[in-house]
């Protein structure tokens, strides 16, 4: 699952570059910010699986998930952007994989 998360992060970065090339920097910056928060989620899950200490994990993941939802709602401003929507879809898949990976650590 770790490899899948790394591939999804790479796809998000590729979608951000495609968005910058075809649509504009405003949308690309939104995807780059989402990429940053997703990379943060990846790092949090990796630390959580190693330490199994959930003291700050839940709070930090709520921030990451809240910002991701806010960015997804901002995407309604550009409904016709194929690259932005592909990047958001990749971000959604990434967060599903992250949640599954974190739940596997608890079990």
C-alpha atoms as a PDB file:
ATOM      1  CA  UNK A   1       0.000   0.000   0.000  1.00  0.00           C
ATOM      2  CA  UNK A   2       2.941   2.294   0.600  1.00  0.00           C
ATOM      3  CA  UNK A   3       3.925   2.044  -3.061  1.00  0.00           C
ATOM      4  CA  UNK A   4       0.344   2.825  -4.142  1.00  0.00           C
ATOM      5  CA  UNK A   5       0.342   5.991  -2.037  1.00  0.00           C
ATOM      6  CA  UNK A   6       3.637   7.088  -3.581  1.00  0.00           C
ATOM      7  CA  UNK A   7       2.275   6.492  -7.085  1.00  0.00           C
ATOM      8  CA  UNK A   8      -0.878   8.475  -6.280  1.00  0.00           C
ATOM      9  CA  UNK A   9       1.230  11.363  -4.983  1.00  0.00           C
ATOM     10  CA  UNK A  10       3.183  11.279  -8.248  1.00  0.00           C
ATOM     11  CA  UNK A  11      -0.051  11.334 -10.237  1.00  0.00           C
ATOM     12  CA  UNK A  12      -1.241  14.329  -8.232  1.00  0.00           C
ATOM     13  CA  UNK A  13       1.969  16.170  -9.051  1.00  0.00           C
ATOM     14  CA  UNK A  14       1.611  15.260 -12.734  1.00  0.00           C
ATOM     15  CA  UNK A  15      -1.993  16.520 -12.702  1.00  0.00           C
ATOM     16  CA  UNK A  16      -0.800  19.799 -11.170  1.00  0.00           C
ATOM     17  CA  UNK A  17       1.790  20.223 -13.925  1.00  0.00           C
ATOM     18  CA  UNK A  18      -0.807  19.393 -16.592  1.00  0.00           C
ATOM     19  CA  UNK A  19      -3.184  21.898 -15.055  1.00  0.00           C
ATOM     20  CA  UNK A  20      -0.518  24.618 -15.068  1.00  0.00           C
ATOM     21  CA  UNK A  21       0.236  23.913 -18.716  1.00  0.00           C
ATOM     22  CA  UNK A  22      -3.339  23.661 -20.022  1.00  0.00           C
ATOM     23  CA  UNK A  23      -5.550  25.643 -17.639  1.00  0.00           C
ATOM     24  CA  UNK A  24      -3.590  28.180 -15.643  1.00  0.00           C
ATOM     25  CA  UNK A  25      -1.633  28.750 -12.476  1.00  0.00           C
ATOM     26  CA  UNK A  26      -4.622  29.387 -10.195  1.00  0.00           C
ATOM     27  CA  UNK A  27      -5.881  25.849 -10.585  1.00  0.00           C
ATOM     28  CA  UNK A  28      -2.368  24.398 -10.513  1.00  0.00           C
ATOM     29  CA  UNK A  29      -1.640  26.146  -7.226  1.00  0.00           C
ATOM     30  CA  UNK A  30      -4.770  24.600  -5.738  1.00  0.00           C
ATOM     31  CA  UNK A  31      -3.531  21.155  -6.766  1.00  0.00           C
ATOM     32  CA  UNK A  32      -0.032  21.872  -5.471  1.00  0.00           C
ATOM     33  CA  UNK A  33      -1.495  22.859  -2.104  1.00  0.00           C
ATOM     34  CA  UNK A  34      -3.537  19.653  -2.109  1.00  0.00           C
ATOM     35  CA  UNK A  35      -0.381  17.746  -2.994  1.00  0.00           C
ATOM     36  CA  UNK A  36       1.355  19.305   0.003  1.00  0.00           C
ATOM     37  CA  UNK A  37      -1.438  18.375   2.375  1.00  0.00           C
ATOM     38  CA  UNK A  38      -1.614  14.862   0.939  1.00  0.00           C
ATOM     39  CA  UNK A  39       2.130  14.449   1.386  1.00  0.00           C
ATOM     40  CA  UNK A  40       1.625  15.593   4.969  1.00  0.00           C
ATOM     41  CA  UNK A  41      -1.068  12.939   5.427  1.00  0.00           C
ATOM     42  CA  UNK A  42       1.302  10.314   4.004  1.00  0.00           C
ATOM     43  CA  UNK A  43       3.984  11.369   6.455  1.00  0.00           C
ATOM     44  CA  UNK A  44       1.536  11.347   9.382  1.00  0.00           C
ATOM     45  CA  UNK A  45       0.355   7.841   8.568  1.00  0.00           C
ATOM     46  CA  UNK A  46       3.906   6.568   8.227  1.00  0.00           C
ATOM     47  CA  UNK A  47       4.836   8.039  11.625  1.00  0.00           C
ATOM     48  CA  UNK A  48       1.616   6.702  13.152  1.00  0.00           C
ATOM     49  CA  UNK A  49       2.325   3.173  11.911  1.00  0.00           C
ATOM     50  CA  UNK A  50       5.816   3.278  13.393  1.00  0.00           C
ATOM     51  CA  UNK A  51       4.959   4.777  16.789  1.00  0.00           C
ATOM     52  CA  UNK A  52       1.325   3.694  17.172  1.00  0.00           C
ATOM     53  CA  UNK A  53       0.782   6.830  19.246  1.00  0.00           C
ATOM     54  CA  UNK A  54      -2.453   8.525  18.289  1.00  0.00           C
ATOM     55  CA  UNK A  55      -2.184  11.625  20.476  1.00  0.00           C
ATOM     56  CA  UNK A  56      -1.608  14.235  17.783  1.00  0.00           C
ATOM     57  CA  UNK A  57      -2.437  12.068  14.794  1.00  0.00           C
ATOM     58  CA  UNK A  58      -6.225  12.484  14.908  1.00  0.00           C
ATOM     59  CA  UNK A  59      -6.059  16.263  15.298  1.00  0.00           C
ATOM     60  CA  UNK A  60      -3.563  16.714  12.472  1.00  0.00           C
ATOM     61  CA  UNK A  61      -5.478  14.408  10.136  1.00  0.00           C
ATOM     62  CA  UNK A  62      -8.688  16.388  10.779  1.00  0.00           C
ATOM     63  CA  UNK A  63      -6.879  19.525   9.581  1.00  0.00           C
ATOM     64  CA  UNK A  64      -5.644  17.736   6.450  1.00  0.00           C
ATOM     65  CA  UNK A  65      -9.093  16.312   5.691  1.00  0.00           C
ATOM     66  CA  UNK A  66     -10.838  19.642   6.342  1.00  0.00           C
ATOM     67  CA  UNK A  67      -8.559  21.504   3.975  1.00  0.00           C
ATOM     68  CA  UNK A  68      -8.947  18.806   1.348  1.00  0.00           C
ATOM     69  CA  UNK A  69     -12.732  19.159   1.510  1.00  0.00           C
ATOM     70  CA  UNK A  70     -12.446  22.955   1.278  1.00  0.00           C
ATOM     71  CA  UNK A  71     -10.272  22.663  -1.841  1.00  0.00           C
ATOM     72  CA  UNK A  72     -12.704  20.176  -3.357  1.00  0.00           C
ATOM     73  CA  UNK A  73     -15.531  22.665  -2.821  1.00  0.00           C
ATOM     74  CA  UNK A  74     -13.427  25.378  -4.479  1.00  0.00           C
ATOM     75  CA  UNK A  75     -13.196  23.165  -7.541  1.00  0.00           C
ATOM     76  CA  UNK A  76     -16.833  23.947  -8.349  1.00  0.00           C
ATOM     77  CA  UNK A  77     -15.536  27.328  -9.508  1.00  0.00           C
ATOM     78  CA  UNK A  78     -13.797  25.538 -12.408  1.00  0.00           C
ATOM     79  CA  UNK A  79     -16.145  22.665 -13.331  1.00  0.00           C
ATOM     80  CA  UNK A  80     -14.799  22.269 -16.881  1.00  0.00           C
ATOM     81  CA  UNK A  81     -11.125  21.748 -15.961  1.00  0.00           C
ATOM     82  CA  UNK A  82     -10.244  18.163 -16.818  1.00  0.00           C
ATOM     83  CA  UNK A  83      -6.823  18.221 -15.132  1.00  0.00           C
ATOM     84  CA  UNK A  84      -8.150  19.800 -11.934  1.00  0.00           C
ATOM     85  CA  UNK A  85     -10.912  17.230 -11.692  1.00  0.00           C
ATOM     86  CA  UNK A  86      -8.431  14.408 -12.372  1.00  0.00           C
ATOM     87  CA  UNK A  87      -6.168  15.749  -9.631  1.00  0.00           C
ATOM     88  CA  UNK A  88      -9.058  15.976  -7.194  1.00  0.00           C
ATOM     89  CA  UNK A  89     -10.150  12.443  -8.046  1.00  0.00           C
ATOM     90  CA  UNK A  90      -6.594  11.218  -7.447  1.00  0.00           C
ATOM     91  CA  UNK A  91      -6.586  13.074  -4.126  1.00  0.00           C
ATOM     92  CA  UNK A  92      -9.834  11.350  -3.138  1.00  0.00           C
ATOM     93  CA  UNK A  93      -8.414   7.928  -3.987  1.00  0.00           C
ATOM     94  CA  UNK A  94      -5.255   8.800  -2.072  1.00  0.00           C
ATOM     95  CA  UNK A  95      -7.169   9.676   1.078  1.00  0.00           C
ATOM     96  CA  UNK A  96      -9.164   6.445   0.849  1.00  0.00           C
ATOM     97  CA  UNK A  97      -5.897   4.482   0.627  1.00  0.00           C
ATOM     98  CA  UNK A  98      -4.405   6.478   3.530  1.00  0.00           C
ATOM     99  CA  UNK A  99      -7.418   5.718   5.722  1.00  0.00           C
ATOM    100  CA  UNK A 100      -7.241   2.029   4.884  1.00  0.00           C
ATOM    101  CA  UNK A 101      -3.505   1.992   5.601  1.00  0.00           C
ATOM    102  CA  UNK A 102      -4.037   3.723   8.972  1.00  0.00           C
ATOM    103  CA  UNK A 103      -6.836   1.322   9.940  1.00  0.00           C
ATOM    104  CA  UNK A 104      -4.585  -1.630   9.105  1.00  0.00           C
ATOM    105  CA  UNK A 105      -2.082  -0.277  11.640  1.00  0.00           C
ATOM    106  CA  UNK A 106      -4.714  -0.307  14.391  1.00  0.00           C
ATOM    107  CA  UNK A 107      -5.936  -3.812  13.635  1.00  0.00           C
END
